C-alpha atoms as a PDB file:
ATOM      1  CA  UNK A   1     -44.438 -17.293 -24.740  1.00  0.00           C
ATOM      2  CA  UNK A   2     -43.925 -21.039 -24.697  1.00  0.00           C
ATOM      3  CA  UNK A   3     -47.467 -21.938 -23.719  1.00  0.00           C
ATOM      4  CA  UNK A   4     -51.012 -20.696 -23.239  1.00  0.00           C
ATOM      5  CA  UNK A   5     -52.956 -22.165 -20.326  1.00  0.00           C
ATOM      6  CA  UNK A   6     -56.737 -22.176 -20.132  1.00  0.00           C
ATOM      7  CA  UNK A   7     -58.822 -23.337 -17.204  1.00  0.00           C
ATOM      8  CA  UNK A   8     -62.409 -24.390 -17.873  1.00  0.00           C
ATOM      9  CA  UNK A   9     -64.295 -24.561 -14.606  1.00  0.00           C
ATOM     10  CA  UNK A  10     -67.810 -25.316 -15.850  1.00  0.00           C
ATOM     11  CA  UNK A  11     -68.709 -28.473 -17.763  1.00  0.00           C
ATOM     12  CA  UNK A  12     -71.409 -26.591 -19.695  1.00  0.00           C
ATOM     13  CA  UNK A  13     -68.781 -24.164 -20.982  1.00  0.00           C
ATOM     14  CA  UNK A  14     -66.688 -27.019 -22.391  1.00  0.00           C
ATOM     15  CA  UNK A  15     -69.015 -27.553 -25.339  1.00  0.00           C
ATOM     16  CA  UNK A  16     -69.019 -23.907 -26.374  1.00  0.00           C
ATOM     17  CA  UNK A  17     -65.265 -23.588 -25.750  1.00  0.00           C
ATOM     18  CA  UNK A  18     -64.248 -26.275 -28.251  1.00  0.00           C
ATOM     19  CA  UNK A  19     -64.503 -24.131 -31.405  1.00  0.00           C
ATOM     20  CA  UNK A  20     -62.835 -21.184 -29.665  1.00  0.00           C
ATOM     21  CA  UNK A  21     -59.902 -23.313 -28.557  1.00  0.00           C
ATOM     22  CA  UNK A  22     -59.511 -24.642 -32.096  1.00  0.00           C
ATOM     23  CA  UNK A  23     -59.459 -21.040 -33.405  1.00  0.00           C
ATOM     24  CA  UNK A  24     -56.767 -20.190 -30.866  1.00  0.00           C
ATOM     25  CA  UNK A  25     -54.704 -23.203 -31.975  1.00  0.00           C
ATOM     26  CA  UNK A  26     -54.934 -22.068 -35.601  1.00  0.00           C
ATOM     27  CA  UNK A  27     -53.794 -18.536 -34.747  1.00  0.00           C
ATOM     28  CA  UNK A  28     -50.804 -19.493 -32.614  1.00  0.00           C
ATOM     29  CA  UNK A  29     -47.485 -20.708 -33.958  1.00  0.00           C
ATOM     30  CA  UNK A  30     -47.094 -24.486 -33.864  1.00  0.00           C
ATOM     31  CA  UNK A  31     -44.299 -24.257 -31.295  1.00  0.00           C
ATOM     32  CA  UNK A  32     -46.589 -22.639 -28.706  1.00  0.00           C
ATOM     33  CA  UNK A  33     -48.268 -25.231 -26.538  1.00  0.00           C
ATOM     34  CA  UNK A  34     -51.875 -24.961 -25.398  1.00  0.00           C
ATOM     35  CA  UNK A  35     -52.697 -26.524 -22.066  1.00  0.00           C
ATOM     36  CA  UNK A  36     -56.380 -26.847 -21.191  1.00  0.00           C
ATOM     37  CA  UNK A  37     -57.220 -27.635 -17.587  1.00  0.00           C
ATOM     38  CA  UNK A  38     -60.629 -29.115 -16.744  1.00  0.00           C
ATOM     39  CA  UNK A  39     -62.118 -30.645 -13.606  1.00  0.00           C
ATOM     40  CA  UNK A  40     -61.691 -34.173 -14.872  1.00  0.00           C
ATOM     41  CA  UNK A  41     -61.817 -36.499 -17.826  1.00  0.00           C
ATOM     42  CA  UNK A  42     -64.427 -35.198 -20.197  1.00  0.00           C
ATOM     43  CA  UNK A  43     -65.582 -35.101 -23.773  1.00  0.00           C
ATOM     44  CA  UNK A  44     -63.422 -32.055 -24.486  1.00  0.00           C
ATOM     45  CA  UNK A  45     -60.306 -33.913 -23.392  1.00  0.00           C
ATOM     46  CA  UNK A  46     -60.453 -36.557 -26.076  1.00  0.00           C
ATOM     47  CA  UNK A  47     -61.420 -34.078 -28.788  1.00  0.00           C
ATOM     48  CA  UNK A  48     -58.620 -31.658 -28.024  1.00  0.00           C
ATOM     49  CA  UNK A  49     -55.993 -34.371 -27.727  1.00  0.00           C
ATOM     50  CA  UNK A  50     -56.764 -35.209 -31.339  1.00  0.00           C
ATOM     51  CA  UNK A  51     -56.101 -31.596 -32.264  1.00  0.00           C
ATOM     52  CA  UNK A  52     -52.680 -31.659 -30.602  1.00  0.00           C
ATOM     53  CA  UNK A  53     -53.711 -29.707 -27.526  1.00  0.00           C
ATOM     54  CA  UNK A  54     -52.761 -30.957 -24.059  1.00  0.00           C
ATOM     55  CA  UNK A  55     -55.672 -31.480 -21.696  1.00  0.00           C
ATOM     56  CA  UNK A  56     -55.246 -32.156 -18.011  1.00  0.00           C
ATOM     57  CA  UNK A  57     -57.107 -32.060 -14.748  1.00  0.00           C
ATOM     58  CA  UNK A  58     -56.394 -29.488 -12.080  1.00  0.00           C
ATOM     59  CA  UNK A  59     -54.578 -32.163 -10.072  1.00  0.00           C
ATOM     60  CA  UNK A  60     -52.070 -32.735 -12.908  1.00  0.00           C
ATOM     61  CA  UNK A  61     -51.784 -29.128 -14.109  1.00  0.00           C
ATOM     62  CA  UNK A  62     -48.537 -28.327 -12.282  1.00  0.00           C
ATOM     63  CA  UNK A  63     -46.873 -31.524 -13.546  1.00  0.00           C
ATOM     64  CA  UNK A  64     -47.859 -30.733 -17.155  1.00  0.00           C
ATOM     65  CA  UNK A  65     -46.351 -27.244 -16.835  1.00  0.00           C
ATOM     66  CA  UNK A  66     -43.152 -28.684 -15.375  1.00  0.00           C
ATOM     67  CA  UNK A  67     -42.991 -31.164 -18.264  1.00  0.00           C
ATOM     68  CA  UNK A  68     -43.278 -28.302 -20.770  1.00  0.00           C
ATOM     69  CA  UNK A  69     -40.445 -26.412 -19.052  1.00  0.00           C
ATOM     70  CA  UNK A  70     -38.218 -29.509 -18.937  1.00  0.00           C
ATOM     71  CA  UNK A  71     -38.867 -30.231 -22.611  1.00  0.00           C
ATOM     72  CA  UNK A  72     -37.920 -26.666 -23.573  1.00  0.00           C
ATOM     73  CA  UNK A  73     -34.674 -26.819 -21.553  1.00  0.00           C
ATOM     74  CA  UNK A  74     -33.647 -30.073 -23.255  1.00  0.00           C
ATOM     75  CA  UNK A  75     -34.168 -28.646 -26.751  1.00  0.00           C
END
């Protein structure tokens, strides 16, 4: 796998998801990307960007996936 994608559809879940997403990041190899999709800009977005995890909205999700694929092809 090149990436793991998570979609968080409820803003109340975002708070409880933060530690779980960090655990996932620690368990995966560094070369596996984690893409978290939320409904919009939120508190979780800024926190996870600091941890090296890509966060996007549903509107930009497809573009982020395409960027990951393009980056892997170039390597």
